[in-house]
Each structure stands twice: as structure tokens, then as C-alpha cells.
Amino acid sequence: MKLRLDLLEHLTMEDIAAVALANNHRYKPEPLFSQTGVGSLSPTSTEDSANEEALNAALIQKVERRAAKSGKPGVPK
């Protein structure tokens, strides 16, 4: 996936929170999480990978629309 730095200024906290929550089901805290702060992330399944790709594409389109609305120069159309 190509990193789109030109779109970073158009991301909102809600966008970032939605992406974090989409992967939250994969996080498995260790038994001593409250003491160590350590947990693990389970591997992605094929379904998770496909879902993540679709969500990323939708997020990119949403942020591109925001960027086009703002009328900032240098944003590819």
C-alpha cells in the first residue's frame, strides 16, 4: 500500500479511532496485563486482511473527498 502523506492533515481523530477499534478484536491481553502492560496481537486471518483492505480503501476515498472539499493546492484528484 502506498503511503499517502498528502492526506494526513485531513484525517480526524474519529478516523483514527475507527481504525484502532477495527483491530481491537485481535488483541489478547496477557494474564498479568494490569501489572506488566503487555499483551499480544493475534495473527490476521484471510478474512481480516480482506476486511482491512476494504476499510482502508474506504478511508482513503473519504479523506480524498475531504481534501478536495478543502481546496488545498497539491492534492491529487
N, C-alpha and C. Protein backbone atom coordinates (compact mmCIF):
# COMPACT_ATOMS: atom_id res chain seq x y z
N MET A 1 0.85 -1.17 0.00
CA MET A 1 0.00 0.00 0.00
C MET A 1 0.90 1.24 0.00
N LYS A 2 0.58 2.18 -0.83
CA LYS A 2 1.34 3.42 -0.93
C LYS A 2 0.94 4.35 0.21
N LEU A 3 1.94 4.92 0.86
CA LEU A 3 1.68 5.83 1.97
C LEU A 3 1.32 7.20 1.42
N ARG A 4 0.14 7.69 1.78
CA ARG A 4 -0.36 8.97 1.27
C ARG A 4 -0.16 10.05 2.31
N LEU A 5 1.02 10.62 2.36
CA LEU A 5 1.32 11.67 3.33
C LEU A 5 0.54 12.94 3.05
N ASP A 6 0.13 13.14 1.80
CA ASP A 6 -0.62 14.35 1.46
C ASP A 6 -2.01 14.37 2.11
N LEU A 7 -2.48 13.22 2.54
CA LEU A 7 -3.83 13.15 3.13
C LEU A 7 -3.82 13.19 4.66
N LEU A 8 -2.64 13.15 5.27
CA LEU A 8 -2.57 13.09 6.74
C LEU A 8 -3.26 14.27 7.41
N GLU A 9 -3.12 15.45 6.87
CA GLU A 9 -3.71 16.62 7.53
C GLU A 9 -5.24 16.62 7.48
N HIS A 10 -5.81 15.74 6.69
CA HIS A 10 -7.27 15.67 6.57
C HIS A 10 -7.87 14.54 7.41
N LEU A 11 -7.03 13.76 8.10
CA LEU A 11 -7.53 12.72 9.00
C LEU A 11 -8.09 13.36 10.26
N THR A 12 -9.10 12.75 10.81
CA THR A 12 -9.67 13.23 12.07
C THR A 12 -9.41 12.17 13.15
N MET A 13 -9.60 12.55 14.38
CA MET A 13 -9.44 11.61 15.49
C MET A 13 -10.45 10.47 15.38
N GLU A 14 -11.62 10.76 14.84
CA GLU A 14 -12.64 9.73 14.67
C GLU A 14 -12.17 8.67 13.66
N ASP A 15 -11.49 9.10 12.58
CA ASP A 15 -10.96 8.16 11.60
C ASP A 15 -9.94 7.23 12.25
N ILE A 16 -9.06 7.81 13.03
CA ILE A 16 -8.00 7.04 13.67
C ILE A 16 -8.59 6.07 14.69
N ALA A 17 -9.58 6.53 15.46
CA ALA A 17 -10.22 5.67 16.45
C ALA A 17 -10.95 4.50 15.78
N ALA A 18 -11.59 4.76 14.65
CA ALA A 18 -12.31 3.69 13.94
C ALA A 18 -11.35 2.61 13.46
N VAL A 19 -10.19 3.01 12.97
CA VAL A 19 -9.20 2.03 12.51
C VAL A 19 -8.67 1.22 13.69
N ALA A 20 -8.42 1.88 14.81
CA ALA A 20 -7.94 1.18 16.00
C ALA A 20 -8.98 0.19 16.52
N LEU A 21 -10.23 0.61 16.54
CA LEU A 21 -11.29 -0.29 17.02
C LEU A 21 -11.54 -1.46 16.10
N ALA A 22 -11.26 -1.28 14.81
CA ALA A 22 -11.45 -2.38 13.86
C ALA A 22 -10.48 -3.53 14.14
N ASN A 23 -9.32 -3.24 14.71
CA ASN A 23 -8.34 -4.28 15.03
C ASN A 23 -8.39 -4.71 16.48
N ASN A 24 -9.25 -4.11 17.27
CA ASN A 24 -9.31 -4.38 18.70
C ASN A 24 -9.65 -5.84 19.01
N HIS A 25 -10.43 -6.49 18.17
CA HIS A 25 -10.82 -7.87 18.44
C HIS A 25 -9.64 -8.83 18.38
N ARG A 26 -8.54 -8.43 17.77
CA ARG A 26 -7.36 -9.29 17.66
C ARG A 26 -6.45 -9.20 18.88
N TYR A 27 -6.64 -8.20 19.73
CA TYR A 27 -5.76 -8.00 20.87
C TYR A 27 -6.13 -8.96 21.99
N LYS A 28 -5.13 -9.65 22.51
CA LYS A 28 -5.33 -10.59 23.61
C LYS A 28 -4.41 -10.19 24.77
N PRO A 29 -4.98 -9.67 25.86
CA PRO A 29 -4.13 -9.29 26.99
C PRO A 29 -3.55 -10.52 27.68
N GLU A 30 -2.36 -10.38 28.17
CA GLU A 30 -1.73 -11.45 28.95
C GLU A 30 -2.38 -11.49 30.33
N PRO A 31 -2.25 -12.59 31.05
CA PRO A 31 -2.87 -12.69 32.38
C PRO A 31 -2.42 -11.61 33.36
N LEU A 32 -1.20 -11.14 33.23
CA LEU A 32 -0.69 -10.13 34.15
C LEU A 32 -0.72 -8.74 33.51
N PHE A 33 -1.65 -8.51 32.61
CA PHE A 33 -1.69 -7.25 31.87
C PHE A 33 -1.69 -6.04 32.77
N SER A 34 -2.46 -6.08 33.83
CA SER A 34 -2.56 -4.90 34.70
C SER A 34 -1.23 -4.57 35.38
N GLN A 35 -0.39 -5.57 35.57
CA GLN A 35 0.90 -5.33 36.21
C GLN A 35 2.00 -5.00 35.19
N THR A 36 1.98 -5.68 34.04
CA THR A 36 3.09 -5.53 33.09
C THR A 36 2.76 -4.62 31.93
N GLY A 37 1.46 -4.47 31.60
CA GLY A 37 1.08 -3.68 30.44
C GLY A 37 1.39 -4.37 29.13
N VAL A 38 1.61 -5.68 29.18
CA VAL A 38 2.00 -6.43 27.99
C VAL A 38 0.84 -7.28 27.52
N GLY A 39 0.65 -7.32 26.23
CA GLY A 39 -0.35 -8.17 25.62
C GLY A 39 0.18 -8.63 24.28
N SER A 40 -0.66 -9.26 23.50
CA SER A 40 -0.22 -9.71 22.19
C SER A 40 -1.33 -9.49 21.17
N LEU A 41 -0.94 -9.44 19.92
CA LEU A 41 -1.88 -9.27 18.83
C LEU A 41 -1.92 -10.57 18.05
N SER A 42 -3.10 -11.18 17.95
CA SER A 42 -3.20 -12.45 17.24
C SER A 42 -3.01 -12.20 15.74
N PRO A 43 -2.54 -13.20 15.01
CA PRO A 43 -2.32 -13.03 13.57
C PRO A 43 -3.63 -12.75 12.83
N THR A 44 -3.51 -12.08 11.70
CA THR A 44 -4.71 -11.79 10.92
C THR A 44 -5.13 -13.01 10.13
N SER A 45 -6.40 -13.17 9.97
CA SER A 45 -6.92 -14.22 9.11
C SER A 45 -7.08 -13.64 7.71
N THR A 46 -7.37 -14.48 6.77
CA THR A 46 -7.59 -14.03 5.40
C THR A 46 -8.77 -13.07 5.35
N GLU A 47 -9.80 -13.38 6.13
CA GLU A 47 -10.98 -12.52 6.19
C GLU A 47 -10.64 -11.15 6.79
N ASP A 48 -9.82 -11.16 7.85
CA ASP A 48 -9.39 -9.90 8.47
C ASP A 48 -8.60 -9.05 7.48
N SER A 49 -7.72 -9.68 6.74
CA SER A 49 -6.89 -8.95 5.76
C SER A 49 -7.75 -8.32 4.68
N ALA A 50 -8.72 -9.07 4.17
CA ALA A 50 -9.61 -8.56 3.13
C ALA A 50 -10.47 -7.41 3.68
N ASN A 51 -10.94 -7.59 4.91
CA ASN A 51 -11.75 -6.55 5.56
C ASN A 51 -10.93 -5.28 5.76
N GLU A 52 -9.69 -5.43 6.20
CA GLU A 52 -8.82 -4.29 6.44
C GLU A 52 -8.53 -3.54 5.14
N GLU A 53 -8.32 -4.28 4.07
CA GLU A 53 -8.07 -3.64 2.78
C GLU A 53 -9.28 -2.83 2.32
N ALA A 54 -10.47 -3.38 2.50
CA ALA A 54 -11.69 -2.67 2.11
C ALA A 54 -11.89 -1.42 2.97
N LEU A 55 -11.64 -1.53 4.27
CA LEU A 55 -11.78 -0.38 5.16
C LEU A 55 -10.76 0.71 4.83
N ASN A 56 -9.53 0.30 4.50
CA ASN A 56 -8.51 1.28 4.13
C ASN A 56 -8.87 2.01 2.85
N ALA A 57 -9.39 1.27 1.87
CA ALA A 57 -9.79 1.90 0.61
C ALA A 57 -10.92 2.90 0.85
N ALA A 58 -11.88 2.55 1.70
CA ALA A 58 -12.98 3.45 2.01
C ALA A 58 -12.49 4.69 2.75
N LEU A 59 -11.55 4.49 3.67
CA LEU A 59 -11.00 5.63 4.42
C LEU A 59 -10.24 6.57 3.49
N ILE A 60 -9.47 6.01 2.58
CA ILE A 60 -8.72 6.84 1.62
C ILE A 60 -9.68 7.66 0.78
N GLN A 61 -10.75 7.05 0.30
CA GLN A 61 -11.73 7.78 -0.51
C GLN A 61 -12.38 8.90 0.31
N LYS A 62 -12.72 8.61 1.57
CA LYS A 62 -13.36 9.61 2.42
C LYS A 62 -12.43 10.80 2.65
N VAL A 63 -11.16 10.51 2.92
CA VAL A 63 -10.20 11.58 3.18
C VAL A 63 -9.88 12.35 1.90
N GLU A 64 -9.86 11.67 0.76
CA GLU A 64 -9.65 12.36 -0.53
C GLU A 64 -10.79 13.33 -0.80
N ARG A 65 -12.02 12.94 -0.47
CA ARG A 65 -13.16 13.85 -0.66
C ARG A 65 -13.03 15.07 0.24
N ARG A 66 -12.60 14.85 1.50
CA ARG A 66 -12.38 15.98 2.42
C ARG A 66 -11.31 16.92 1.87
N ALA A 67 -10.24 16.33 1.33
CA ALA A 67 -9.14 17.13 0.81
C ALA A 67 -9.61 17.95 -0.40
N ALA A 68 -10.42 17.33 -1.26
CA ALA A 68 -10.92 18.05 -2.43
C ALA A 68 -11.86 19.18 -2.02
N LYS A 69 -12.66 18.96 -0.96
CA LYS A 69 -13.56 20.00 -0.48
C LYS A 69 -12.80 21.19 0.08
N SER A 70 -11.67 20.90 0.73
CA SER A 70 -10.91 21.98 1.35
C SER A 70 -10.23 22.88 0.31
N GLY A 71 -10.05 22.35 -0.91
CA GLY A 71 -9.47 23.13 -1.98
C GLY A 71 -8.00 23.43 -1.82
N LYS A 72 -7.31 22.61 -1.02
CA LYS A 72 -5.88 22.84 -0.82
C LYS A 72 -5.12 22.48 -2.10
N PRO A 73 -4.16 23.32 -2.49
CA PRO A 73 -3.37 23.01 -3.68
C PRO A 73 -2.44 21.83 -3.41
N GLY A 74 -2.13 21.11 -4.47
CA GLY A 74 -1.20 20.00 -4.35
C GLY A 74 -1.85 18.67 -4.02
N VAL A 75 -3.16 18.65 -3.85
CA VAL A 75 -3.86 17.40 -3.57
C VAL A 75 -4.26 16.79 -4.89
N PRO A 76 -3.75 15.58 -5.21
CA PRO A 76 -4.10 14.95 -6.48
C PRO A 76 -5.58 14.62 -6.55
N LYS A 77 -6.14 14.76 -7.72
CA LYS A 77 -7.57 14.48 -7.91
C LYS A 77 -7.79 13.21 -8.65
